[in-house]
Amino acid sequence: METAFALPFLQSVLIGLSIAAPVGPIGLLTIQRSIERGPAAGLATGLGAAFADGIYGALGALGLAALVHALVSARLWLTLGGVAFMLALAWRTWRMPPAHGLADERRGADILRCFSTTFVLTLSNPMTILSFIAVFGSMSTHFAKTSPWTMIAGVFLGSALWWLLLSTAVGKLGQRFDSRRRRQVSRASAILLAVLAVWQLALLLRP
């Protein structure tokens, strides 16, 4: 019984890690915010994506076909919204002054903003759900008696673990940076975010 729980759970953790680890818009934001605002802001950034991954993982594991179809049908508009959101984030990141030394009340609002931006950004890519459906579909043939919530929890934990490791490591590195170096990192991140947004738009419009 323990093996029947542990194996699919560990596989789901690895799925969460593999989805979170590739460097993309979320990874860039996590690195930039960990350096600019500290590990807590970087972790909040990553957890926003982890929660969104958990939602898509739940849809894939539970097989909610109607909702999945609606999301895939809305791919064009959701992707356009995501591209616009990324460009706005790039512009905001470019113009934002160094944030170290924020007052406690402002820091709490900043943490919430870090979480919410990546949560929305991750949800704006509904094609992610197709990956979850394919993975969970193959897993269900081997672990038919496993609760889907076991796999959902594993995906979230794996994703969250990656963001914890990344934000902690980069945050410690960022403590060595002065304000000029942090500004350089922010502007480089803004440029890369804008490039990724344009690239996603090009893929969407490609015939």
N, C-alpha and C. Protein backbone atom coordinates (compact mmCIF):
# COMPACT_ATOMS: atom_id res chain seq x y z
N MET A 1 0.83 -1.21 0.00
CA MET A 1 0.00 0.00 0.00
C MET A 1 0.87 1.26 0.00
N GLU A 2 1.98 1.21 0.81
CA GLU A 2 2.87 2.37 0.86
C GLU A 2 3.52 2.60 -0.49
N THR A 3 3.91 1.50 -1.17
CA THR A 3 4.52 1.63 -2.49
C THR A 3 3.53 2.20 -3.50
N ALA A 4 2.27 1.78 -3.39
CA ALA A 4 1.24 2.26 -4.30
C ALA A 4 1.03 3.75 -4.16
N PHE A 5 1.31 4.30 -2.98
CA PHE A 5 1.20 5.75 -2.78
C PHE A 5 2.50 6.45 -3.14
N ALA A 6 3.64 5.88 -2.67
CA ALA A 6 4.91 6.58 -2.78
C ALA A 6 5.39 6.73 -4.21
N LEU A 7 5.27 5.70 -5.02
CA LEU A 7 5.81 5.75 -6.37
C LEU A 7 5.13 6.80 -7.24
N PRO A 8 3.79 6.81 -7.35
CA PRO A 8 3.16 7.87 -8.16
C PRO A 8 3.38 9.26 -7.57
N PHE A 9 3.46 9.36 -6.24
CA PHE A 9 3.71 10.66 -5.62
C PHE A 9 5.09 11.18 -6.00
N LEU A 10 6.11 10.32 -5.90
CA LEU A 10 7.46 10.73 -6.26
C LEU A 10 7.57 11.07 -7.74
N GLN A 11 6.87 10.30 -8.59
CA GLN A 11 6.87 10.62 -10.02
C GLN A 11 6.22 11.97 -10.28
N SER A 12 5.17 12.27 -9.53
CA SER A 12 4.49 13.57 -9.69
C SER A 12 5.39 14.70 -9.22
N VAL A 13 6.16 14.47 -8.15
CA VAL A 13 7.12 15.48 -7.70
C VAL A 13 8.13 15.77 -8.80
N LEU A 14 8.61 14.72 -9.46
CA LEU A 14 9.57 14.90 -10.56
C LEU A 14 8.93 15.64 -11.73
N ILE A 15 7.65 15.38 -11.98
CA ILE A 15 6.94 16.12 -13.04
C ILE A 15 6.90 17.60 -12.70
N GLY A 16 6.56 17.91 -11.45
CA GLY A 16 6.53 19.30 -11.02
C GLY A 16 7.88 19.97 -11.16
N LEU A 17 8.94 19.27 -10.79
CA LEU A 17 10.30 19.80 -10.94
C LEU A 17 10.64 20.04 -12.40
N SER A 18 10.31 19.07 -13.27
CA SER A 18 10.66 19.19 -14.68
C SER A 18 9.90 20.30 -15.37
N ILE A 19 8.69 20.59 -14.93
CA ILE A 19 7.90 21.67 -15.52
C ILE A 19 8.44 23.02 -15.07
N ALA A 20 8.85 23.11 -13.79
CA ALA A 20 9.29 24.40 -13.24
C ALA A 20 10.71 24.75 -13.64
N ALA A 21 11.59 23.74 -13.79
CA ALA A 21 13.02 24.00 -13.91
C ALA A 21 13.45 24.74 -15.17
N PRO A 22 12.91 24.46 -16.37
CA PRO A 22 13.40 25.19 -17.55
C PRO A 22 13.26 26.70 -17.38
N VAL A 23 14.29 27.43 -17.78
CA VAL A 23 14.29 28.88 -17.61
C VAL A 23 13.39 29.51 -18.67
N GLY A 24 12.36 30.19 -18.21
CA GLY A 24 11.42 30.90 -19.06
C GLY A 24 11.06 32.20 -18.38
N PRO A 25 9.92 32.80 -18.71
CA PRO A 25 9.52 34.06 -18.08
C PRO A 25 9.45 33.96 -16.55
N ILE A 26 8.90 32.86 -16.02
CA ILE A 26 8.78 32.73 -14.56
C ILE A 26 10.16 32.61 -13.93
N GLY A 27 11.03 31.82 -14.55
CA GLY A 27 12.38 31.69 -14.02
C GLY A 27 13.12 33.03 -14.01
N LEU A 28 12.97 33.80 -15.08
CA LEU A 28 13.61 35.11 -15.15
C LEU A 28 13.10 36.04 -14.04
N LEU A 29 11.79 36.05 -13.87
CA LEU A 29 11.22 36.91 -12.83
C LEU A 29 11.66 36.47 -11.44
N THR A 30 11.73 35.16 -11.22
CA THR A 30 12.16 34.66 -9.92
C THR A 30 13.61 35.06 -9.63
N ILE A 31 14.47 34.91 -10.63
CA ILE A 31 15.88 35.29 -10.45
C ILE A 31 16.00 36.79 -10.21
N GLN A 32 15.32 37.58 -11.03
CA GLN A 32 15.42 39.04 -10.90
C GLN A 32 14.90 39.52 -9.55
N ARG A 33 13.76 38.99 -9.13
CA ARG A 33 13.17 39.45 -7.87
C ARG A 33 13.94 38.93 -6.66
N SER A 34 14.54 37.74 -6.77
CA SER A 34 15.37 37.23 -5.67
C SER A 34 16.58 38.11 -5.46
N ILE A 35 17.17 38.60 -6.55
CA ILE A 35 18.33 39.50 -6.45
C ILE A 35 17.91 40.88 -6.00
N GLU A 36 16.81 41.38 -6.58
CA GLU A 36 16.40 42.76 -6.34
C GLU A 36 15.69 42.93 -5.00
N ARG A 37 14.86 41.95 -4.62
CA ARG A 37 14.01 42.12 -3.43
C ARG A 37 14.27 41.09 -2.34
N GLY A 38 15.07 40.07 -2.64
CA GLY A 38 15.41 39.08 -1.64
C GLY A 38 14.71 37.74 -1.89
N PRO A 39 15.13 36.68 -1.16
CA PRO A 39 14.60 35.34 -1.39
C PRO A 39 13.09 35.22 -1.19
N ALA A 40 12.51 35.98 -0.25
CA ALA A 40 11.07 35.87 0.01
C ALA A 40 10.27 36.29 -1.22
N ALA A 41 10.68 37.38 -1.86
CA ALA A 41 9.99 37.84 -3.07
C ALA A 41 10.19 36.85 -4.21
N GLY A 42 11.39 36.27 -4.31
CA GLY A 42 11.63 35.28 -5.35
C GLY A 42 10.79 34.03 -5.14
N LEU A 43 10.69 33.59 -3.88
CA LEU A 43 9.89 32.40 -3.58
C LEU A 43 8.42 32.67 -3.87
N ALA A 44 7.92 33.84 -3.49
CA ALA A 44 6.52 34.20 -3.77
C ALA A 44 6.26 34.19 -5.27
N THR A 45 7.23 34.66 -6.04
CA THR A 45 7.11 34.66 -7.50
C THR A 45 6.96 33.23 -8.02
N GLY A 46 7.83 32.34 -7.55
CA GLY A 46 7.77 30.96 -7.99
C GLY A 46 6.51 30.24 -7.52
N LEU A 47 6.07 30.54 -6.29
CA LEU A 47 4.88 29.87 -5.77
C LEU A 47 3.62 30.26 -6.54
N GLY A 48 3.60 31.47 -7.09
CA GLY A 48 2.47 31.84 -7.94
C GLY A 48 2.35 30.88 -9.12
N ALA A 49 3.50 30.56 -9.73
CA ALA A 49 3.50 29.60 -10.83
C ALA A 49 3.17 28.20 -10.34
N ALA A 50 3.65 27.83 -9.14
CA ALA A 50 3.39 26.49 -8.60
C ALA A 50 1.90 26.28 -8.35
N PHE A 51 1.22 27.29 -7.84
CA PHE A 51 -0.22 27.17 -7.63
C PHE A 51 -0.97 27.03 -8.95
N ALA A 52 -0.54 27.79 -9.96
CA ALA A 52 -1.18 27.67 -11.27
C ALA A 52 -0.91 26.28 -11.87
N ASP A 53 0.33 25.79 -11.70
CA ASP A 53 0.63 24.43 -12.15
C ASP A 53 -0.25 23.41 -11.44
N GLY A 54 -0.49 23.64 -10.14
CA GLY A 54 -1.35 22.74 -9.39
C GLY A 54 -2.78 22.72 -9.92
N ILE A 55 -3.27 23.88 -10.33
CA ILE A 55 -4.62 23.96 -10.90
C ILE A 55 -4.69 23.20 -12.22
N TYR A 56 -3.70 23.44 -13.09
CA TYR A 56 -3.68 22.71 -14.37
C TYR A 56 -3.47 21.23 -14.14
N GLY A 57 -2.64 20.89 -13.14
CA GLY A 57 -2.45 19.49 -12.81
C GLY A 57 -3.74 18.84 -12.34
N ALA A 58 -4.53 19.57 -11.57
CA ALA A 58 -5.82 19.04 -11.11
C ALA A 58 -6.76 18.80 -12.28
N LEU A 59 -6.79 19.74 -13.22
CA LEU A 59 -7.66 19.56 -14.39
C LEU A 59 -7.25 18.34 -15.19
N GLY A 60 -5.91 18.14 -15.32
CA GLY A 60 -5.44 16.99 -16.06
C GLY A 60 -5.70 15.68 -15.33
N ALA A 61 -5.47 15.67 -14.02
CA ALA A 61 -5.63 14.44 -13.25
C ALA A 61 -7.09 14.05 -13.08
N LEU A 62 -7.95 15.06 -12.93
CA LEU A 62 -9.37 14.78 -12.71
C LEU A 62 -10.13 14.58 -14.01
N GLY A 63 -9.49 14.90 -15.14
CA GLY A 63 -10.13 14.66 -16.44
C GLY A 63 -11.36 15.50 -16.67
N LEU A 64 -11.30 16.80 -16.33
CA LEU A 64 -12.44 17.69 -16.52
C LEU A 64 -12.48 18.15 -17.97
N ALA A 65 -13.04 17.32 -18.81
CA ALA A 65 -12.95 17.50 -20.27
C ALA A 65 -13.57 18.81 -20.74
N ALA A 66 -14.73 19.18 -20.23
CA ALA A 66 -15.41 20.38 -20.71
C ALA A 66 -14.59 21.63 -20.43
N LEU A 67 -14.03 21.71 -19.23
CA LEU A 67 -13.23 22.88 -18.87
C LEU A 67 -11.93 22.91 -19.67
N VAL A 68 -11.32 21.74 -19.85
CA VAL A 68 -10.10 21.65 -20.66
C VAL A 68 -10.37 22.14 -22.08
N HIS A 69 -11.47 21.68 -22.67
CA HIS A 69 -11.82 22.09 -24.03
C HIS A 69 -12.04 23.60 -24.11
N ALA A 70 -12.69 24.17 -23.11
CA ALA A 70 -12.94 25.61 -23.10
C ALA A 70 -11.63 26.39 -23.05
N LEU A 71 -10.69 25.92 -22.24
CA LEU A 71 -9.40 26.60 -22.12
C LEU A 71 -8.61 26.52 -23.42
N VAL A 72 -8.58 25.34 -24.02
CA VAL A 72 -7.84 25.17 -25.27
C VAL A 72 -8.48 25.99 -26.39
N SER A 73 -9.82 26.08 -26.39
CA SER A 73 -10.51 26.87 -27.40
C SER A 73 -10.20 28.35 -27.27
N ALA A 74 -9.92 28.78 -26.03
CA ALA A 74 -9.62 30.19 -25.78
C ALA A 74 -8.11 30.47 -25.85
N ARG A 75 -7.36 29.55 -26.45
CA ARG A 75 -5.90 29.67 -26.48
C ARG A 75 -5.44 30.99 -27.08
N LEU A 76 -6.06 31.40 -28.20
CA LEU A 76 -5.62 32.62 -28.88
C LEU A 76 -5.69 33.82 -27.95
N TRP A 77 -6.86 34.03 -27.33
CA TRP A 77 -7.06 35.21 -26.50
C TRP A 77 -6.25 35.14 -25.21
N LEU A 78 -6.14 33.94 -24.64
CA LEU A 78 -5.35 33.80 -23.42
C LEU A 78 -3.87 34.06 -23.70
N THR A 79 -3.40 33.58 -24.84
CA THR A 79 -2.00 33.79 -25.18
C THR A 79 -1.72 35.26 -25.47
N LEU A 80 -2.64 35.91 -26.19
CA LEU A 80 -2.48 37.35 -26.44
C LEU A 80 -2.48 38.13 -25.13
N GLY A 81 -3.35 37.74 -24.22
CA GLY A 81 -3.37 38.38 -22.91
C GLY A 81 -2.07 38.15 -22.16
N GLY A 82 -1.53 36.92 -22.26
CA GLY A 82 -0.26 36.63 -21.61
C GLY A 82 0.89 37.42 -22.20
N VAL A 83 0.90 37.57 -23.52
CA VAL A 83 1.95 38.35 -24.18
C VAL A 83 1.88 39.82 -23.73
N ALA A 84 0.67 40.38 -23.71
CA ALA A 84 0.51 41.76 -23.26
C ALA A 84 0.95 41.92 -21.81
N PHE A 85 0.62 40.93 -20.99
CA PHE A 85 1.00 40.96 -19.58
C PHE A 85 2.51 40.91 -19.43
N MET A 86 3.18 40.07 -20.21
CA MET A 86 4.63 39.98 -20.16
C MET A 86 5.30 41.28 -20.58
N LEU A 87 4.76 41.91 -21.63
CA LEU A 87 5.32 43.18 -22.08
C LEU A 87 5.15 44.26 -21.01
N ALA A 88 4.00 44.25 -20.33
CA ALA A 88 3.77 45.21 -19.25
C ALA A 88 4.74 44.95 -18.09
N LEU A 89 4.97 43.67 -17.78
CA LEU A 89 5.93 43.33 -16.73
C LEU A 89 7.34 43.76 -17.11
N ALA A 90 7.69 43.57 -18.39
CA ALA A 90 9.02 43.98 -18.85
C ALA A 90 9.20 45.49 -18.69
N TRP A 91 8.19 46.25 -19.08
CA TRP A 91 8.25 47.71 -18.95
C TRP A 91 8.34 48.14 -17.50
N ARG A 92 7.55 47.50 -16.64
CA ARG A 92 7.56 47.83 -15.22
C ARG A 92 8.91 47.47 -14.59
N THR A 93 9.45 46.31 -14.98
CA THR A 93 10.74 45.88 -14.44
C THR A 93 11.85 46.82 -14.88
N TRP A 94 11.79 47.30 -16.11
CA TRP A 94 12.81 48.23 -16.63
C TRP A 94 12.81 49.54 -15.83
N ARG A 95 11.63 50.04 -15.50
CA ARG A 95 11.50 51.36 -14.88
C ARG A 95 11.55 51.32 -13.36
N MET A 96 11.41 50.14 -12.75
CA MET A 96 11.27 50.06 -11.30
C MET A 96 12.60 50.37 -10.60
N PRO A 97 12.58 51.24 -9.60
CA PRO A 97 13.81 51.54 -8.85
C PRO A 97 14.16 50.40 -7.91
N PRO A 98 15.39 50.35 -7.39
CA PRO A 98 15.77 49.31 -6.43
C PRO A 98 14.82 49.27 -5.25
N ALA A 99 14.48 48.05 -4.80
CA ALA A 99 13.42 47.88 -3.80
C ALA A 99 13.94 47.49 -2.44
N HIS A 100 15.25 47.36 -2.23
CA HIS A 100 15.75 46.99 -0.92
C HIS A 100 15.43 48.09 0.09
N GLY A 101 15.11 47.69 1.30
CA GLY A 101 14.78 48.65 2.34
C GLY A 101 13.33 49.06 2.36
N LEU A 102 12.44 48.31 1.71
CA LEU A 102 11.02 48.63 1.75
C LEU A 102 10.50 48.53 3.18
N ALA A 103 9.57 49.40 3.52
CA ALA A 103 8.90 49.30 4.81
C ALA A 103 8.09 48.01 4.87
N ASP A 104 7.82 47.53 6.10
CA ASP A 104 7.15 46.24 6.27
C ASP A 104 5.80 46.20 5.57
N GLU A 105 5.02 47.30 5.66
CA GLU A 105 3.70 47.29 5.05
C GLU A 105 3.79 47.25 3.52
N ARG A 106 4.79 47.91 2.97
CA ARG A 106 5.00 47.85 1.52
C ARG A 106 5.56 46.51 1.10
N ARG A 107 6.39 45.90 1.95
CA ARG A 107 6.97 44.61 1.60
C ARG A 107 5.90 43.53 1.50
N GLY A 108 4.90 43.58 2.40
CA GLY A 108 3.81 42.61 2.34
C GLY A 108 3.03 42.73 1.04
N ALA A 109 2.75 43.96 0.62
CA ALA A 109 2.04 44.18 -0.64
C ALA A 109 2.90 43.73 -1.82
N ASP A 110 4.21 43.94 -1.72
CA ASP A 110 5.11 43.55 -2.80
C ASP A 110 5.15 42.03 -2.95
N ILE A 111 5.16 41.30 -1.82
CA ILE A 111 5.16 39.84 -1.85
C ILE A 111 3.89 39.34 -2.53
N LEU A 112 2.76 39.91 -2.18
CA LEU A 112 1.49 39.52 -2.79
C LEU A 112 1.49 39.81 -4.29
N ARG A 113 2.06 40.93 -4.69
CA ARG A 113 2.14 41.28 -6.11
C ARG A 113 3.04 40.30 -6.86
N CYS A 114 4.14 39.91 -6.23
CA CYS A 114 5.04 38.93 -6.86
C CYS A 114 4.31 37.61 -7.11
N PHE A 115 3.51 37.18 -6.13
CA PHE A 115 2.75 35.94 -6.26
C PHE A 115 1.70 36.05 -7.35
N SER A 116 0.92 37.12 -7.32
CA SER A 116 -0.23 37.23 -8.23
C SER A 116 0.18 37.39 -9.68
N THR A 117 1.29 38.09 -9.94
CA THR A 117 1.69 38.30 -11.34
C THR A 117 2.05 36.98 -12.02
N THR A 118 2.82 36.13 -11.33
CA THR A 118 3.21 34.87 -11.97
C THR A 118 2.07 33.86 -11.97
N PHE A 119 1.16 33.97 -11.02
CA PHE A 119 -0.02 33.11 -11.03
C PHE A 119 -0.84 33.38 -12.29
N VAL A 120 -1.09 34.66 -12.58
CA VAL A 120 -1.86 35.04 -13.77
C VAL A 120 -1.08 34.70 -15.03
N LEU A 121 0.23 34.97 -15.03
CA LEU A 121 1.04 34.71 -16.21
C LEU A 121 1.06 33.22 -16.56
N THR A 122 1.14 32.35 -15.55
CA THR A 122 1.16 30.91 -15.81
C THR A 122 -0.20 30.43 -16.29
N LEU A 123 -1.27 30.95 -15.72
CA LEU A 123 -2.60 30.55 -16.15
C LEU A 123 -2.91 31.00 -17.58
N SER A 124 -2.18 32.01 -18.06
CA SER A 124 -2.45 32.52 -19.41
C SER A 124 -1.90 31.61 -20.50
N ASN A 125 -1.28 30.49 -20.10
CA ASN A 125 -0.76 29.54 -21.08
C ASN A 125 -1.51 28.22 -20.95
N PRO A 126 -2.73 28.14 -21.51
CA PRO A 126 -3.55 26.94 -21.33
C PRO A 126 -3.00 25.70 -22.00
N MET A 127 -2.05 25.85 -22.91
CA MET A 127 -1.48 24.67 -23.55
C MET A 127 -0.69 23.81 -22.56
N THR A 128 -0.33 24.41 -21.42
CA THR A 128 0.35 23.63 -20.38
C THR A 128 -0.51 22.46 -19.94
N ILE A 129 -1.81 22.66 -19.94
CA ILE A 129 -2.71 21.61 -19.46
C ILE A 129 -2.62 20.36 -20.34
N LEU A 130 -2.32 20.53 -21.62
CA LEU A 130 -2.19 19.36 -22.49
C LEU A 130 -1.03 18.48 -22.07
N SER A 131 0.03 19.11 -21.58
CA SER A 131 1.17 18.34 -21.08
C SER A 131 0.76 17.53 -19.86
N PHE A 132 0.00 18.16 -18.97
CA PHE A 132 -0.45 17.44 -17.77
C PHE A 132 -1.37 16.28 -18.14
N ILE A 133 -2.25 16.51 -19.10
CA ILE A 133 -3.19 15.45 -19.51
C ILE A 133 -2.41 14.26 -20.06
N ALA A 134 -1.40 14.54 -20.90
CA ALA A 134 -0.61 13.45 -21.48
C ALA A 134 0.15 12.69 -20.41
N VAL A 135 0.75 13.42 -19.46
CA VAL A 135 1.54 12.78 -18.43
C VAL A 135 0.65 11.97 -17.49
N PHE A 136 -0.43 12.59 -17.00
CA PHE A 136 -1.30 11.89 -16.07
C PHE A 136 -2.03 10.74 -16.75
N GLY A 137 -2.30 10.89 -18.04
CA GLY A 137 -2.94 9.80 -18.77
C GLY A 137 -2.05 8.57 -18.81
N SER A 138 -0.75 8.79 -19.05
CA SER A 138 0.17 7.65 -19.07
C SER A 138 0.38 7.07 -17.68
N MET A 139 0.38 7.94 -16.66
CA MET A 139 0.56 7.45 -15.29
C MET A 139 -0.65 6.66 -14.82
N SER A 140 -1.83 7.07 -15.23
CA SER A 140 -3.04 6.42 -14.73
C SER A 140 -3.14 4.97 -15.20
N THR A 141 -2.52 4.65 -16.32
CA THR A 141 -2.54 3.26 -16.78
C THR A 141 -1.71 2.36 -15.88
N HIS A 142 -0.71 2.95 -15.21
CA HIS A 142 0.14 2.17 -14.32
C HIS A 142 -0.32 2.25 -12.87
N PHE A 143 -1.01 3.34 -12.51
CA PHE A 143 -1.42 3.55 -11.13
C PHE A 143 -2.92 3.85 -11.08
N ALA A 144 -3.70 2.91 -11.59
CA ALA A 144 -5.14 3.13 -11.72
C ALA A 144 -5.83 3.34 -10.38
N LYS A 145 -5.28 2.74 -9.31
CA LYS A 145 -5.91 2.83 -8.00
C LYS A 145 -5.42 4.01 -7.17
N THR A 146 -4.53 4.80 -7.74
CA THR A 146 -3.98 5.95 -7.01
C THR A 146 -4.93 7.14 -7.10
N SER A 147 -5.13 7.80 -5.97
CA SER A 147 -5.97 9.00 -5.96
C SER A 147 -5.34 10.09 -6.81
N PRO A 148 -6.13 10.78 -7.64
CA PRO A 148 -5.56 11.88 -8.44
C PRO A 148 -4.98 12.98 -7.56
N TRP A 149 -5.49 13.12 -6.34
CA TRP A 149 -4.99 14.16 -5.44
C TRP A 149 -3.56 13.87 -4.99
N THR A 150 -3.19 12.61 -4.98
CA THR A 150 -1.80 12.26 -4.68
C THR A 150 -0.88 12.84 -5.75
N MET A 151 -1.26 12.70 -7.01
CA MET A 151 -0.45 13.21 -8.11
C MET A 151 -0.48 14.74 -8.15
N ILE A 152 -1.63 15.33 -7.85
CA ILE A 152 -1.74 16.79 -7.83
C ILE A 152 -0.83 17.38 -6.76
N ALA A 153 -0.86 16.78 -5.56
CA ALA A 153 0.00 17.25 -4.47
C ALA A 153 1.47 17.11 -4.84
N GLY A 154 1.82 16.02 -5.52
CA GLY A 154 3.21 15.83 -5.93
C GLY A 154 3.67 16.87 -6.92
N VAL A 155 2.84 17.21 -7.89
CA VAL A 155 3.18 18.24 -8.87
C VAL A 155 3.43 19.58 -8.18
N PHE A 156 2.53 19.95 -7.28
CA PHE A 156 2.69 21.23 -6.58
C PHE A 156 3.97 21.23 -5.74
N LEU A 157 4.21 20.14 -5.00
CA LEU A 157 5.38 20.08 -4.14
C LEU A 157 6.67 20.14 -4.96
N GLY A 158 6.71 19.42 -6.09
CA GLY A 158 7.90 19.45 -6.93
C GLY A 158 8.17 20.84 -7.49
N SER A 159 7.13 21.50 -7.96
CA SER A 159 7.28 22.86 -8.48
C SER A 159 7.72 23.82 -7.37
N ALA A 160 7.07 23.74 -6.21
CA ALA A 160 7.41 24.63 -5.10
C ALA A 160 8.84 24.39 -4.62
N LEU A 161 9.28 23.14 -4.61
CA LEU A 161 10.64 22.81 -4.18
C LEU A 161 11.67 23.47 -5.08
N TRP A 162 11.42 23.43 -6.39
CA TRP A 162 12.36 24.07 -7.31
C TRP A 162 12.45 25.57 -7.05
N TRP A 163 11.32 26.23 -6.87
CA TRP A 163 11.33 27.68 -6.65
C TRP A 163 11.99 28.03 -5.32
N LEU A 164 11.83 27.18 -4.31
CA LEU A 164 12.49 27.42 -3.02
C LEU A 164 14.00 27.35 -3.18
N LEU A 165 14.49 26.33 -3.87
CA LEU A 165 15.93 26.17 -4.08
C LEU A 165 16.49 27.33 -4.90
N LEU A 166 15.78 27.69 -5.98
CA LEU A 166 16.27 28.75 -6.86
C LEU A 166 16.29 30.10 -6.15
N SER A 167 15.20 30.45 -5.48
CA SER A 167 15.12 31.77 -4.84
C SER A 167 16.12 31.89 -3.70
N THR A 168 16.35 30.80 -2.96
CA THR A 168 17.31 30.85 -1.85
C THR A 168 18.73 31.02 -2.37
N ALA A 169 19.09 30.24 -3.39
CA ALA A 169 20.45 30.32 -3.92
C ALA A 169 20.71 31.67 -4.57
N VAL A 170 19.78 32.13 -5.40
CA VAL A 170 19.98 33.40 -6.10
C VAL A 170 19.90 34.57 -5.12
N GLY A 171 19.01 34.46 -4.11
CA GLY A 171 18.90 35.53 -3.12
C GLY A 171 20.20 35.73 -2.36
N LYS A 172 20.89 34.64 -2.02
CA LYS A 172 22.17 34.76 -1.33
C LYS A 172 23.22 35.40 -2.23
N LEU A 173 23.18 35.04 -3.51
CA LEU A 173 24.10 35.65 -4.46
C LEU A 173 23.82 37.14 -4.60
N GLY A 174 22.53 37.50 -4.62
CA GLY A 174 22.16 38.89 -4.79
C GLY A 174 22.60 39.79 -3.65
N GLN A 175 22.84 39.22 -2.47
CA GLN A 175 23.29 40.02 -1.33
C GLN A 175 24.65 40.64 -1.58
N ARG A 176 25.39 40.08 -2.53
CA ARG A 176 26.72 40.61 -2.85
C ARG A 176 26.66 41.73 -3.88
N PHE A 177 25.49 41.97 -4.46
CA PHE A 177 25.37 42.96 -5.53
C PHE A 177 25.09 44.34 -4.95
N ASP A 178 25.71 45.35 -5.53
CA ASP A 178 25.36 46.71 -5.16
C ASP A 178 24.17 47.17 -6.01
N SER A 179 23.70 48.39 -5.77
CA SER A 179 22.50 48.87 -6.45
C SER A 179 22.71 48.96 -7.97
N ARG A 180 23.92 49.30 -8.41
CA ARG A 180 24.17 49.39 -9.84
C ARG A 180 24.07 48.02 -10.50
N ARG A 181 24.64 46.99 -9.85
CA ARG A 181 24.57 45.64 -10.40
C ARG A 181 23.14 45.11 -10.40
N ARG A 182 22.38 45.42 -9.34
CA ARG A 182 20.98 44.96 -9.31
C ARG A 182 20.17 45.63 -10.41
N ARG A 183 20.45 46.91 -10.67
CA ARG A 183 19.76 47.59 -11.76
C ARG A 183 20.09 46.95 -13.10
N GLN A 184 21.34 46.55 -13.30
CA GLN A 184 21.72 45.88 -14.53
C GLN A 184 20.98 44.56 -14.71
N VAL A 185 20.84 43.81 -13.61
CA VAL A 185 20.12 42.54 -13.67
C VAL A 185 18.65 42.78 -14.02
N SER A 186 18.04 43.80 -13.41
CA SER A 186 16.63 44.11 -13.68
C SER A 186 16.42 44.48 -15.14
N ARG A 187 17.30 45.28 -15.68
CA ARG A 187 17.12 45.71 -17.06
C ARG A 187 17.38 44.57 -18.05
N ALA A 188 18.35 43.73 -17.73
CA ALA A 188 18.58 42.56 -18.59
C ALA A 188 17.36 41.63 -18.55
N SER A 189 16.76 41.47 -17.36
CA SER A 189 15.57 40.64 -17.24
C SER A 189 14.41 41.24 -18.03
N ALA A 190 14.27 42.56 -17.98
CA ALA A 190 13.19 43.22 -18.71
C ALA A 190 13.34 42.99 -20.22
N ILE A 191 14.57 43.09 -20.72
CA ILE A 191 14.80 42.87 -22.15
C ILE A 191 14.47 41.43 -22.53
N LEU A 192 14.90 40.47 -21.71
CA LEU A 192 14.64 39.06 -22.01
C LEU A 192 13.15 38.75 -21.94
N LEU A 193 12.43 39.36 -21.00
CA LEU A 193 10.99 39.16 -20.92
C LEU A 193 10.31 39.67 -22.18
N ALA A 194 10.73 40.84 -22.65
CA ALA A 194 10.14 41.40 -23.87
C ALA A 194 10.44 40.51 -25.07
N VAL A 195 11.66 39.98 -25.15
CA VAL A 195 12.02 39.08 -26.25
C VAL A 195 11.17 37.81 -26.21
N LEU A 196 10.98 37.23 -25.02
CA LEU A 196 10.16 36.03 -24.89
C LEU A 196 8.71 36.30 -25.27
N ALA A 197 8.22 37.48 -24.92
CA ALA A 197 6.85 37.84 -25.28
C ALA A 197 6.69 37.91 -26.79
N VAL A 198 7.64 38.56 -27.46
CA VAL A 198 7.58 38.68 -28.92
C VAL A 198 7.71 37.31 -29.56
N TRP A 199 8.56 36.47 -29.00
CA TRP A 199 8.74 35.11 -29.54
C TRP A 199 7.46 34.30 -29.43
N GLN A 200 6.78 34.39 -28.27
CA GLN A 200 5.50 33.68 -28.11
C GLN A 200 4.46 34.19 -29.10
N LEU A 201 4.45 35.50 -29.32
CA LEU A 201 3.51 36.07 -30.30
C LEU A 201 3.82 35.56 -31.70
N ALA A 202 5.11 35.47 -32.04
CA ALA A 202 5.50 34.98 -33.36
C ALA A 202 5.07 33.53 -33.55
N LEU A 203 5.24 32.71 -32.49
CA LEU A 203 4.80 31.31 -32.58
C LEU A 203 3.30 31.22 -32.76
N LEU A 204 2.56 32.10 -32.07
CA LEU A 204 1.10 32.08 -32.17
C LEU A 204 0.62 32.45 -33.56
N LEU A 205 1.28 33.41 -34.18
CA LEU A 205 0.85 33.91 -35.49
C LEU A 205 1.44 33.15 -36.65
N ARG A 206 2.36 32.22 -36.35
CA ARG A 206 3.00 31.47 -37.43
C ARG A 206 1.97 30.58 -38.13
N PRO A 207 1.91 30.57 -39.45
CA PRO A 207 0.91 29.76 -40.17
C PRO A 207 1.20 28.27 -40.06
